[in-house]
C-alpha atoms as a PDB file:
ATOM      1  CA  UNK A   1      14.072 -34.490 121.966  1.00  0.00           C
ATOM      2  CA  UNK A   2      12.088 -37.359 120.478  1.00  0.00           C
ATOM      3  CA  UNK A   3      10.051 -34.982 118.311  1.00  0.00           C
ATOM      4  CA  UNK A   4      13.213 -33.292 117.098  1.00  0.00           C
ATOM      5  CA  UNK A   5      15.022 -36.522 116.239  1.00  0.00           C
ATOM      6  CA  UNK A   6      12.085 -37.668 114.103  1.00  0.00           C
ATOM      7  CA  UNK A   7      13.128 -35.105 111.485  1.00  0.00           C
ATOM      8  CA  UNK A   8      16.721 -36.334 111.287  1.00  0.00           C
ATOM      9  CA  UNK A   9      17.694 -38.782 108.565  1.00  0.00           C
ATOM     10  CA  UNK A  10      19.695 -41.882 109.557  1.00  0.00           C
ATOM     11  CA  UNK A  11      22.834 -40.138 108.325  1.00  0.00           C
ATOM     12  CA  UNK A  12      22.271 -37.292 110.745  1.00  0.00           C
ATOM     13  CA  UNK A  13      21.397 -34.850 107.910  1.00  0.00           C
ATOM     14  CA  UNK A  14      18.142 -32.958 108.476  1.00  0.00           C
ATOM     15  CA  UNK A  15      15.434 -33.940 105.995  1.00  0.00           C
ATOM     16  CA  UNK A  16      13.818 -31.169 103.900  1.00  0.00           C
ATOM     17  CA  UNK A  17      10.558 -29.762 105.142  1.00  0.00           C
ATOM     18  CA  UNK A  18       7.449 -31.163 103.516  1.00  0.00           C
ATOM     19  CA  UNK A  19       5.950 -28.839 100.849  1.00  0.00           C
ATOM     20  CA  UNK A  20       2.806 -26.947 101.821  1.00  0.00           C
ATOM     21  CA  UNK A  21      -0.213 -29.201 101.535  1.00  0.00           C
ATOM     22  CA  UNK A  22      -2.730 -28.082  98.933  1.00  0.00           C
ATOM     23  CA  UNK A  23      -4.765 -31.228  98.589  1.00  0.00           C
ATOM     24  CA  UNK A  24      -6.428 -33.657 100.936  1.00  0.00           C
ATOM     25  CA  UNK A  25      -4.097 -36.571 101.472  1.00  0.00           C
ATOM     26  CA  UNK A  26      -0.988 -34.468 100.740  1.00  0.00           C
ATOM     27  CA  UNK A  27       1.796 -34.399 103.359  1.00  0.00           C
ATOM     28  CA  UNK A  28       0.612 -32.318 106.275  1.00  0.00           C
ATOM     29  CA  UNK A  29      -3.108 -32.837 105.627  1.00  0.00           C
ATOM     30  CA  UNK A  30      -3.415 -36.277 107.213  1.00  0.00           C
ATOM     31  CA  UNK A  31      -5.301 -36.227 110.485  1.00  0.00           C
ATOM     32  CA  UNK A  32      -6.989 -32.889 109.750  1.00  0.00           C
ATOM     33  CA  UNK A  33     -10.752 -32.617 110.285  1.00  0.00           C
ATOM     34  CA  UNK A  34     -12.854 -33.078 107.099  1.00  0.00           C
ATOM     35  CA  UNK A  35     -13.729 -29.359 106.942  1.00  0.00           C
ATOM     36  CA  UNK A  36     -10.052 -28.392 106.888  1.00  0.00           C
ATOM     37  CA  UNK A  37      -9.244 -30.997 104.237  1.00  0.00           C
ATOM     38  CA  UNK A  38     -12.022 -29.559 102.060  1.00  0.00           C
ATOM     39  CA  UNK A  39     -10.437 -26.149 102.562  1.00  0.00           C
ATOM     40  CA  UNK A  40      -7.142 -27.486 101.231  1.00  0.00           C
ATOM     41  CA  UNK A  41      -8.872 -28.858  98.139  1.00  0.00           C
ATOM     42  CA  UNK A  42     -10.527 -25.473  97.601  1.00  0.00           C
ATOM     43  CA  UNK A  43      -7.163 -23.722  97.867  1.00  0.00           C
ATOM     44  CA  UNK A  44      -5.671 -26.090  95.297  1.00  0.00           C
ATOM     45  CA  UNK A  45      -8.503 -25.422  92.838  1.00  0.00           C
ATOM     46  CA  UNK A  46      -8.196 -21.695  93.409  1.00  0.00           C
ATOM     47  CA  UNK A  47      -4.442 -21.762  92.804  1.00  0.00           C
ATOM     48  CA  UNK A  48      -4.883 -23.778  89.622  1.00  0.00           C
ATOM     49  CA  UNK A  49      -7.480 -21.330  88.314  1.00  0.00           C
ATOM     50  CA  UNK A  50      -5.236 -18.352  89.101  1.00  0.00           C
ATOM     51  CA  UNK A  51      -2.288 -19.969  87.333  1.00  0.00           C
ATOM     52  CA  UNK A  52      -4.297 -20.787  84.209  1.00  0.00           C
ATOM     53  CA  UNK A  53      -5.791 -17.289  83.997  1.00  0.00           C
ATOM     54  CA  UNK A  54      -2.398 -15.641  84.563  1.00  0.00           C
ATOM     55  CA  UNK A  55      -0.838 -17.836  81.871  1.00  0.00           C
ATOM     56  CA  UNK A  56      -3.703 -17.078  79.487  1.00  0.00           C
ATOM     57  CA  UNK A  57      -3.117 -13.332  79.878  1.00  0.00           C
ATOM     58  CA  UNK A  58       0.664 -13.651  79.598  1.00  0.00           C
ATOM     59  CA  UNK A  59       0.546 -15.903  76.521  1.00  0.00           C
ATOM     60  CA  UNK A  60      -1.939 -13.570  74.848  1.00  0.00           C
ATOM     61  CA  UNK A  61       0.309 -10.565  75.431  1.00  0.00           C
ATOM     62  CA  UNK A  62       3.763 -12.049  74.892  1.00  0.00           C
ATOM     63  CA  UNK A  63       3.476 -15.492  73.321  1.00  0.00           C
ATOM     64  CA  UNK A  64       4.045 -18.894  74.891  1.00  0.00           C
ATOM     65  CA  UNK A  65       7.727 -18.395  75.744  1.00  0.00           C
ATOM     66  CA  UNK A  66       6.945 -16.199  78.777  1.00  0.00           C
ATOM     67  CA  UNK A  67       9.143 -17.334  81.698  1.00  0.00           C
ATOM     68  CA  UNK A  68       7.311 -19.641  84.087  1.00  0.00           C
ATOM     69  CA  UNK A  69       8.491 -17.560  87.048  1.00  0.00           C
ATOM     70  CA  UNK A  70       6.753 -14.535  85.502  1.00  0.00           C
ATOM     71  CA  UNK A  71       3.507 -16.502  85.254  1.00  0.00           C
ATOM     72  CA  UNK A  72       3.788 -17.592  88.893  1.00  0.00           C
ATOM     73  CA  UNK A  73       4.398 -13.995  89.949  1.00  0.00           C
ATOM     74  CA  UNK A  74       1.384 -12.775  87.973  1.00  0.00           C
ATOM     75  CA  UNK A  75      -0.772 -15.508  89.526  1.00  0.00           C
ATOM     76  CA  UNK A  76       0.429 -14.609  93.018  1.00  0.00           C
ATOM     77  CA  UNK A  77       1.736 -18.106  93.774  1.00  0.00           C
ATOM     78  CA  UNK A  78       5.165 -19.597  94.325  1.00  0.00           C
ATOM     79  CA  UNK A  79       6.983 -21.401  91.534  1.00  0.00           C
ATOM     80  CA  UNK A  80       6.760 -24.632  93.552  1.00  0.00           C
ATOM     81  CA  UNK A  81       2.969 -24.357  93.539  1.00  0.00           C
ATOM     82  CA  UNK A  82       2.954 -23.718  89.785  1.00  0.00           C
ATOM     83  CA  UNK A  83       5.096 -26.770  89.089  1.00  0.00           C
ATOM     84  CA  UNK A  84       2.965 -28.977  91.333  1.00  0.00           C
ATOM     85  CA  UNK A  85      -0.034 -28.106  89.210  1.00  0.00           C
ATOM     86  CA  UNK A  86       1.814 -28.050  85.848  1.00  0.00           C
ATOM     87  CA  UNK A  87       5.137 -29.943  85.864  1.00  0.00           C
ATOM     88  CA  UNK A  88       6.079 -28.707  82.370  1.00  0.00           C
ATOM     89  CA  UNK A  89       5.434 -25.651  80.232  1.00  0.00           C
ATOM     90  CA  UNK A  90       3.866 -27.965  77.650  1.00  0.00           C
ATOM     91  CA  UNK A  91       1.222 -29.105  80.136  1.00  0.00           C
ATOM     92  CA  UNK A  92       0.372 -25.492  80.991  1.00  0.00           C
ATOM     93  CA  UNK A  93       0.164 -24.378  77.350  1.00  0.00           C
ATOM     94  CA  UNK A  94      -2.040 -27.362  76.503  1.00  0.00           C
ATOM     95  CA  UNK A  95      -4.366 -26.531  79.412  1.00  0.00           C
ATOM     96  CA  UNK A  96      -4.601 -22.828  78.558  1.00  0.00           C
ATOM     97  CA  UNK A  97      -5.383 -23.394  74.881  1.00  0.00           C
ATOM     98  CA  UNK A  98      -7.483 -26.565  75.240  1.00  0.00           C
ATOM     99  CA  UNK A  99     -10.720 -24.700  74.505  1.00  0.00           C
ATOM    100  CA  UNK A 100      -9.276 -22.856  71.507  1.00  0.00           C
ATOM    101  CA  UNK A 101      -7.827 -26.022  69.989  1.00  0.00           C
ATOM    102  CA  UNK A 102     -11.145 -27.808  70.456  1.00  0.00           C
ATOM    103  CA  UNK A 103     -12.938 -24.818  68.927  1.00  0.00           C
ATOM    104  CA  UNK A 104     -10.720 -25.014  65.842  1.00  0.00           C
ATOM    105  CA  UNK A 105     -11.664 -28.636  65.327  1.00  0.00           C
ATOM    106  CA  UNK A 106     -15.301 -27.635  65.822  1.00  0.00           C
ATOM    107  CA  UNK A 107     -15.035 -24.847  63.249  1.00  0.00           C
ATOM    108  CA  UNK A 108     -13.797 -27.314  60.643  1.00  0.00           C
ATOM    109  CA  UNK A 109     -16.498 -29.834  61.512  1.00  0.00           C
ATOM    110  CA  UNK A 110     -19.183 -27.167  61.206  1.00  0.00           C
ATOM    111  CA  UNK A 111     -17.807 -26.067  57.833  1.00  0.00           C
ATOM    112  CA  UNK A 112     -18.010 -29.638  56.560  1.00  0.00           C
ATOM    113  CA  UNK A 113     -21.780 -29.566  57.138  1.00  0.00           C
ATOM    114  CA  UNK A 114     -22.207 -26.485  54.933  1.00  0.00           C
ATOM    115  CA  UNK A 115     -23.744 -27.458  51.588  1.00  0.00           C
ATOM    116  CA  UNK A 116     -21.649 -24.749  49.896  1.00  0.00           C
ATOM    117  CA  UNK A 117     -18.005 -26.014  49.896  1.00  0.00           C
ATOM    118  CA  UNK A 118     -16.511 -22.620  49.054  1.00  0.00           C
ATOM    119  CA  UNK A 119     -18.438 -20.899  51.842  1.00  0.00           C
ATOM    120  CA  UNK A 120     -17.346 -23.611  54.265  1.00  0.00           C
ATOM    121  CA  UNK A 121     -13.724 -23.202  53.200  1.00  0.00           C
ATOM    122  CA  UNK A 122     -13.857 -19.411  53.607  1.00  0.00           C
ATOM    123  CA  UNK A 123     -15.500 -19.696  57.014  1.00  0.00           C
ATOM    124  CA  UNK A 124     -12.619 -21.795  58.367  1.00  0.00           C
ATOM    125  CA  UNK A 125      -9.967 -19.361  57.153  1.00  0.00           C
ATOM    126  CA  UNK A 126     -11.915 -16.371  58.442  1.00  0.00           C
ATOM    127  CA  UNK A 127     -12.791 -17.726  61.881  1.00  0.00           C
ATOM    128  CA  UNK A 128      -9.416 -19.294  62.681  1.00  0.00           C
ATOM    129  CA  UNK A 129      -7.605 -16.123  61.642  1.00  0.00           C
ATOM    130  CA  UNK A 130      -9.964 -14.066  63.825  1.00  0.00           C
ATOM    131  CA  UNK A 131      -9.113 -16.279  66.812  1.00  0.00           C
ATOM    132  CA  UNK A 132      -5.454 -15.840  66.026  1.00  0.00           C
ATOM    133  CA  UNK A 133      -5.681 -12.050  65.805  1.00  0.00           C
ATOM    134  CA  UNK A 134      -7.411 -11.912  69.177  1.00  0.00           C
ATOM    135  CA  UNK A 135      -4.710 -13.913  70.970  1.00  0.00           C
ATOM    136  CA  UNK A 136      -1.003 -13.585  70.239  1.00  0.00           C
ATOM    137  CA  UNK A 137      -0.133 -16.947  71.798  1.00  0.00           C
ATOM    138  CA  UNK A 138      -2.718 -18.856  69.792  1.00  0.00           C
ATOM    139  CA  UNK A 139      -0.576 -19.182  66.644  1.00  0.00           C
ATOM    140  CA  UNK A 140       2.352 -20.661  68.518  1.00  0.00           C
ATOM    141  CA  UNK A 141       0.107 -23.013  70.488  1.00  0.00           C
ATOM    142  CA  UNK A 142      -1.809 -24.126  67.398  1.00  0.00           C
ATOM    143  CA  UNK A 143       1.364 -24.774  65.406  1.00  0.00           C
ATOM    144  CA  UNK A 144       3.460 -26.113  68.282  1.00  0.00           C
ATOM    145  CA  UNK A 145       4.537 -29.705  68.823  1.00  0.00           C
ATOM    146  CA  UNK A 146       3.046 -31.362  71.912  1.00  0.00           C
ATOM    147  CA  UNK A 147       4.775 -34.773  71.947  1.00  0.00           C
ATOM    148  CA  UNK A 148       3.381 -35.666  75.388  1.00  0.00           C
ATOM    149  CA  UNK A 149      -0.212 -34.554  74.785  1.00  0.00           C
ATOM    150  CA  UNK A 150      -2.295 -37.103  72.883  1.00  0.00           C
ATOM    151  CA  UNK A 151      -5.418 -34.899  73.083  1.00  0.00           C
ATOM    152  CA  UNK A 152      -3.759 -31.966  71.316  1.00  0.00           C
ATOM    153  CA  UNK A 153      -2.364 -34.202  68.599  1.00  0.00           C
ATOM    154  CA  UNK A 154      -5.725 -35.861  68.034  1.00  0.00           C
ATOM    155  CA  UNK A 155      -7.591 -32.551  67.797  1.00  0.00           C
ATOM    156  CA  UNK A 156      -5.039 -31.143  65.377  1.00  0.00           C
ATOM    157  CA  UNK A 157      -5.147 -34.293  63.221  1.00  0.00           C
ATOM    158  CA  UNK A 158      -8.944 -34.019  63.061  1.00  0.00           C
ATOM    159  CA  UNK A 159      -8.676 -30.364  62.041  1.00  0.00           C
ATOM    160  CA  UNK A 160      -6.079 -31.116  59.344  1.00  0.00           C
ATOM    161  CA  UNK A 161      -8.020 -34.033  57.894  1.00  0.00           C
ATOM    162  CA  UNK A 162     -11.252 -32.049  57.912  1.00  0.00           C
ATOM    163  CA  UNK A 163      -9.601 -29.072  56.255  1.00  0.00           C
ATOM    164  CA  UNK A 164      -8.113 -31.330  53.573  1.00  0.00           C
ATOM    165  CA  UNK A 165     -11.627 -32.575  52.828  1.00  0.00           C
ATOM    166  CA  UNK A 166     -12.884 -28.985  52.608  1.00  0.00           C
ATOM    167  CA  UNK A 167     -10.111 -28.170  50.148  1.00  0.00           C
ATOM    168  CA  UNK A 168     -11.052 -31.177  47.997  1.00  0.00           C
ATOM    169  CA  UNK A 169     -14.732 -30.217  47.931  1.00  0.00           C
ATOM    170  CA  UNK A 170     -14.031 -26.554  47.200  1.00  0.00           C
ATOM    171  CA  UNK A 171     -11.806 -27.510  44.279  1.00  0.00           C
ATOM    172  CA  UNK A 172     -14.455 -29.846  42.889  1.00  0.00           C
ATOM    173  CA  UNK A 173     -16.973 -27.001  43.066  1.00  0.00           C
ATOM    174  CA  UNK A 174     -14.707 -24.943  40.814  1.00  0.00           C
ATOM    175  CA  UNK A 175     -14.414 -22.024  43.255  1.00  0.00           C
ATOM    176  CA  UNK A 176     -11.006 -22.842  44.799  1.00  0.00           C
ATOM    177  CA  UNK A 177      -7.965 -22.681  42.561  1.00  0.00           C
ATOM    178  CA  UNK A 178      -6.662 -26.129  41.620  1.00  0.00           C
ATOM    179  CA  UNK A 179      -3.122 -25.584  42.928  1.00  0.00           C
ATOM    180  CA  UNK A 180      -4.174 -24.655  46.479  1.00  0.00           C
ATOM    181  CA  UNK A 181      -2.564 -27.117  48.913  1.00  0.00           C
ATOM    182  CA  UNK A 182      -3.474 -28.012  52.494  1.00  0.00           C
ATOM    183  CA  UNK A 183      -0.017 -26.751  53.500  1.00  0.00           C
ATOM    184  CA  UNK A 184      -1.136 -23.271  52.473  1.00  0.00           C
ATOM    185  CA  UNK A 185      -3.173 -23.087  55.682  1.00  0.00           C
ATOM    186  CA  UNK A 186       0.098 -22.915  57.630  1.00  0.00           C
ATOM    187  CA  UNK A 187       1.274 -20.064  55.390  1.00  0.00           C
ATOM    188  CA  UNK A 188      -1.995 -18.235  56.041  1.00  0.00           C
ATOM    189  CA  UNK A 189      -1.540 -18.562  59.811  1.00  0.00           C
ATOM    190  CA  UNK A 190       2.072 -17.428  59.641  1.00  0.00           C
ATOM    191  CA  UNK A 191       1.131 -14.372  57.581  1.00  0.00           C
ATOM    192  CA  UNK A 192      -1.823 -13.491  59.774  1.00  0.00           C
ATOM    193  CA  UNK A 193       0.259 -14.011  62.911  1.00  0.00           C
ATOM    194  CA  UNK A 194       2.616 -11.293  61.720  1.00  0.00           C
ATOM    195  CA  UNK A 195      -0.156  -8.690  61.892  1.00  0.00           C
ATOM    196  CA  UNK A 196       0.659  -6.916  65.158  1.00  0.00           C
ATOM    197  CA  UNK A 197      -0.270  -3.304  65.885  1.00  0.00           C
ATOM    198  CA  UNK A 198      -0.449  -1.062  68.939  1.00  0.00           C
ATOM    199  CA  UNK A 199      -4.075  -1.956  69.752  1.00  0.00           C
ATOM    200  CA  UNK A 200      -6.123  -5.126  69.596  1.00  0.00           C
ATOM    201  CA  UNK A 201      -8.897  -3.426  67.610  1.00  0.00           C
ATOM    202  CA  UNK A 202      -6.469  -2.270  64.915  1.00  0.00           C
ATOM    203  CA  UNK A 203      -4.818  -5.685  64.775  1.00  0.00           C
ATOM    204  CA  UNK A 204      -8.170  -7.388  64.275  1.00  0.00           C
ATOM    205  CA  UNK A 205      -9.176  -4.890  61.569  1.00  0.00           C
ATOM    206  CA  UNK A 206      -5.863  -5.400  59.746  1.00  0.00           C
ATOM    207  CA  UNK A 207      -6.277  -9.170  60.013  1.00  0.00           C
ATOM    208  CA  UNK A 208      -9.741  -9.039  58.474  1.00  0.00           C
ATOM    209  CA  UNK A 209      -8.431  -7.056  55.504  1.00  0.00           C
ATOM    210  CA  UNK A 210      -5.498  -9.437  55.006  1.00  0.00           C
ATOM    211  CA  UNK A 211      -7.812 -12.447  55.089  1.00  0.00           C
ATOM    212  CA  UNK A 212     -10.096 -10.801  52.513  1.00  0.00           C
ATOM    213  CA  UNK A 213      -7.108 -10.305  50.206  1.00  0.00           C
ATOM    214  CA  UNK A 214      -5.984 -13.903  50.688  1.00  0.00           C
ATOM    215  CA  UNK A 215      -9.416 -15.364  49.984  1.00  0.00           C
ATOM    216  CA  UNK A 216      -9.602 -13.362  46.762  1.00  0.00           C
ATOM    217  CA  UNK A 217      -6.248 -14.843  45.716  1.00  0.00           C
ATOM    218  CA  UNK A 218      -7.430 -18.375  46.518  1.00  0.00           C
ATOM    219  CA  UNK A 219     -10.493 -18.122  44.312  1.00  0.00           C
ATOM    220  CA  UNK A 220     -10.228 -19.743  40.911  1.00  0.00           C
ATOM    221  CA  UNK A 221      -9.926 -17.239  38.072  1.00  0.00           C
ATOM    222  CA  UNK A 222      -8.877 -17.377  34.398  1.00  0.00           C
ATOM    223  CA  UNK A 223      -5.228 -16.499  33.806  1.00  0.00           C
ATOM    224  CA  UNK A 224      -4.296 -16.795  37.501  1.00  0.00           C
ATOM    225  CA  UNK A 225      -0.980 -18.476  36.654  1.00  0.00           C
ATOM    226  CA  UNK A 226       0.718 -21.333  38.431  1.00  0.00           C
ATOM    227  CA  UNK A 227       2.084 -21.135  41.978  1.00  0.00           C
ATOM    228  CA  UNK A 228       5.456 -22.512  43.107  1.00  0.00           C
ATOM    229  CA  UNK A 229       5.261 -25.935  44.818  1.00  0.00           C
ATOM    230  CA  UNK A 230       3.851 -25.992  48.351  1.00  0.00           C
ATOM    231  CA  UNK A 231       6.433 -26.426  51.123  1.00  0.00           C
ATOM    232  CA  UNK A 232       6.285 -29.731  53.051  1.00  0.00           C
ATOM    233  CA  UNK A 233       4.945 -28.251  56.286  1.00  0.00           C
ATOM    234  CA  UNK A 234       1.972 -29.057  58.443  1.00  0.00           C
ATOM    235  CA  UNK A 235       0.388 -28.012  61.692  1.00  0.00           C
ATOM    236  CA  UNK A 236       2.598 -28.922  64.616  1.00  0.00           C
ATOM    237  CA  UNK A 237       5.854 -28.839  62.618  1.00  0.00           C
ATOM    238  CA  UNK A 238       6.901 -25.223  62.972  1.00  0.00           C
ATOM    239  CA  UNK A 239       7.182 -24.670  66.716  1.00  0.00           C
ATOM    240  CA  UNK A 240       8.169 -26.602  69.769  1.00  0.00           C
ATOM    241  CA  UNK A 241       6.926 -25.543  73.162  1.00  0.00           C
ATOM    242  CA  UNK A 242       9.963 -23.767  74.657  1.00  0.00           C
ATOM    243  CA  UNK A 243      11.641 -24.964  77.824  1.00  0.00           C
ATOM    244  CA  UNK A 244      11.099 -23.527  81.254  1.00  0.00           C
END
């Protein structure tokens, strides 16, 4: 009777069962031998990896608004386990696309070291659009607002500032048309993100052709005319990470 009464709250209402322990030190793991606690830590790491990989596949196929319950089902874990690892969709999206966002910043940095400003400019457009064509969720993640993720905001700010410097240099070289604006990068990503076909190979081929057309239009040429004003948009202003 004593053991049973220990699970009764002072009001006489049974307390909820503790959640399954996945980490050493979590409820239910105290008092376990060290080998068993290490096993719990291994399970937690395994679950986290499965969730991230399942989310990566789902975001690539369907975009970042895939229901969280669908991601948990694909990962083979319960929704409670998913939310213990990633309390919000934003935290999961940021984790899944951390490498891609860092790579974008790296692409811009590498382009800034190119002695040919026009070649550096073209390489950024080409490589970022190729990443986008390979992963449907990348556009939304790259252009989404992450108010609670300082790392994402910092990486995106670095990429924007670096791209603005590339634009300045390419204009000074005379190869980039004078009325190109840094906001035009967002338009490029939106246009390229709309290239969706029945196979990944066809999508990537169509993206490459679109990018080639766009780069031709960006190049300075006599009699090119004047473009309408650039819209006041920047990276991180078009999407918000959807709710759960």
